[in-house]
Amino acid sequence: MDVQDLLGKVAQHLSVSRAFGTAYEKGGSLVIPVAFVAGGGGGGEGTSGSPTAGASGDGGPEHDETATDAESTGSGGGFGGVVMPFGVYVVKDEQVRWMPAINANLVIVVAFLTLRMIARARRRAHRHAS
């Protein structure tokens, strides 16, 4: 797969159509789903083969001062993304209303992490006060 193909696939996954879903009508209202879309990627390439000094210093053929590492090459890449629903816009009688989507699991995790950070901060403050 070449770079152009990879970038084309990334563009498909991080597009406006992911953030704003297909609008539909329900009960005389136009409903437009909205989501948070984020992503990132990276890649790398490396080679090795620079001269190295002998590890044991015995001057043997395996550890000669002019020996070079076996020629190494490498490449890699990755891509990740997240799509989370935020809510919907509801259009009815020329009025627009925002209705947020509430993810109960996310609320629970954030509440747990917040309580944990508060407990740690109190323990640290108590230790430093003693």
Protein backbone atom coordinates (compact mmCIF):
# COMPACT_ATOMS: atom_id res chain seq x y z
CA MET A 1 0.00 0.00 0.00
CA ASP A 2 1.48 3.34 -0.96
CA VAL A 3 1.18 6.62 0.90
CA GLN A 4 -1.59 7.99 -1.34
CA ASP A 5 -3.80 4.95 -0.66
CA LEU A 6 -3.18 5.27 3.07
CA LEU A 7 -4.03 8.99 3.10
CA GLY A 8 -7.18 8.28 1.08
CA LYS A 9 -8.35 5.76 3.68
CA VAL A 10 -7.56 8.18 6.51
CA ALA A 11 -9.61 10.89 4.80
CA GLN A 12 -12.56 8.49 4.49
CA HIS A 13 -12.49 7.76 8.20
CA LEU A 14 -12.05 11.37 9.36
CA SER A 15 -14.67 13.12 7.30
CA VAL A 16 -17.59 15.40 8.00
CA SER A 17 -19.96 12.54 7.22
CA ARG A 18 -18.66 10.85 10.40
CA ALA A 19 -19.29 13.97 12.52
CA PHE A 20 -22.72 14.77 11.06
CA GLY A 21 -24.67 11.63 10.29
CA THR A 22 -27.33 11.29 7.65
CA ALA A 23 -30.29 13.47 8.55
CA TYR A 24 -33.67 11.77 8.78
CA GLU A 25 -37.26 12.73 9.52
CA LYS A 26 -39.14 11.42 12.53
CA GLY A 27 -42.49 12.65 13.79
CA GLY A 28 -42.44 15.72 11.57
CA SER A 29 -38.97 16.74 12.80
CA LEU A 30 -35.65 16.72 10.99
CA VAL A 31 -33.03 14.92 13.11
CA ILE A 32 -29.31 15.51 12.44
CA PRO A 33 -26.94 13.26 14.46
CA VAL A 34 -23.65 14.84 15.61
CA ALA A 35 -20.50 13.05 16.80
CA PHE A 36 -16.98 13.91 17.99
CA VAL A 37 -14.39 12.63 15.51
CA ALA A 38 -10.64 12.64 16.19
CA GLY A 39 -7.71 10.72 14.87
CA GLY A 40 -4.01 10.66 14.42
CA GLY A 41 -1.26 8.66 12.89
CA GLY A 42 2.42 8.34 12.53
CA GLY A 43 5.11 6.45 10.80
CA GLY A 44 8.79 5.86 10.86
CA GLU A 45 11.70 4.33 9.10
CA GLY A 46 15.15 3.40 10.28
CA THR A 47 18.38 1.86 9.17
CA SER A 48 21.45 0.70 11.02
CA GLY A 49 24.85 -0.45 9.95
CA SER A 50 27.22 2.05 11.48
CA PRO A 51 30.63 0.76 12.56
CA THR A 52 30.82 -0.37 16.18
CA ALA A 53 33.75 -1.05 18.47
CA GLY A 54 34.33 -4.63 19.60
CA ALA A 55 32.30 -5.46 22.68
CA SER A 56 34.85 -7.73 24.36
CA GLY A 57 38.01 -6.00 23.10
CA ASP A 58 39.66 -9.37 22.41
CA GLY A 59 40.32 -8.49 18.78
CA GLY A 60 38.76 -11.73 17.55
CA PRO A 61 37.15 -11.90 14.12
CA GLU A 62 33.65 -11.54 15.57
CA HIS A 63 34.56 -8.38 17.49
CA ASP A 64 36.90 -6.66 15.08
CA GLU A 65 37.20 -2.86 15.43
CA THR A 66 36.12 -2.40 11.80
CA ALA A 67 33.17 -4.80 11.96
CA THR A 68 29.79 -3.38 11.07
CA ASP A 69 26.40 -4.44 12.29
CA ALA A 70 24.31 -6.43 9.86
CA GLU A 71 22.49 -3.97 7.67
CA SER A 72 19.14 -3.33 9.29
CA THR A 73 16.13 -1.59 7.88
CA GLY A 74 12.72 -0.95 9.26
CA SER A 75 9.54 0.91 8.66
CA GLY A 76 6.23 1.18 10.33
CA GLY A 77 3.13 3.20 10.71
CA GLY A 78 -0.11 3.38 12.49
CA PHE A 79 -3.41 5.17 12.61
CA GLY A 80 -6.04 5.48 15.26
CA GLY A 81 -9.29 7.28 15.62
CA VAL A 82 -12.32 7.68 17.80
CA VAL A 83 -15.91 8.53 17.00
CA MET A 84 -18.22 9.35 19.92
CA PRO A 85 -21.84 10.47 19.62
CA PHE A 86 -22.47 13.94 21.05
CA GLY A 87 -26.18 14.34 20.38
CA VAL A 88 -28.63 15.47 17.74
CA TYR A 89 -30.01 18.67 16.33
CA VAL A 90 -33.79 18.52 16.04
CA VAL A 91 -35.37 20.94 13.56
CA LYS A 92 -39.13 21.38 13.89
CA ASP A 93 -41.33 24.31 12.83
CA GLU A 94 -38.24 26.37 11.91
CA GLN A 95 -36.81 26.00 15.42
CA VAL A 96 -33.56 24.18 16.14
CA ARG A 97 -33.06 22.36 19.42
CA TRP A 98 -29.92 20.59 20.68
CA MET A 99 -30.39 17.27 22.47
CA PRO A 100 -27.13 15.91 23.94
CA ALA A 101 -26.39 12.20 24.02
CA ILE A 102 -25.44 11.08 27.51
CA ASN A 103 -23.08 8.14 27.75
CA ALA A 104 -23.64 6.66 31.22
CA ASN A 105 -20.41 4.63 31.07
CA LEU A 106 -18.36 7.73 30.31
CA VAL A 107 -20.04 9.66 33.14
CA ILE A 108 -19.23 6.84 35.58
CA VAL A 109 -15.59 6.62 34.50
CA VAL A 110 -15.08 10.39 34.71
CA ALA A 111 -16.73 10.52 38.14
CA PHE A 112 -14.52 7.67 39.39
CA LEU A 113 -11.35 9.31 38.09
CA THR A 114 -12.34 12.65 39.61
CA LEU A 115 -12.97 11.09 43.03
CA ARG A 116 -9.67 9.24 42.81
CA MET A 117 -7.76 12.44 42.02
CA ILE A 118 -9.46 14.25 44.94
CA ALA A 119 -8.58 11.40 47.32
CA ARG A 120 -4.93 11.42 46.19
CA ALA A 121 -4.68 15.19 46.54
CA ARG A 122 -6.08 15.00 50.09
CA ARG A 123 -3.63 12.23 51.05
CA ARG A 124 -0.70 14.23 49.70
CA ALA A 125 -1.83 17.36 51.50
CA HIS A 126 -2.22 15.38 54.72
CA ARG A 127 1.31 13.89 54.37
CA HIS A 128 2.89 17.29 53.71
CA ALA A 129 1.04 18.87 56.63
CA SER A 130 2.42 16.28 59.09
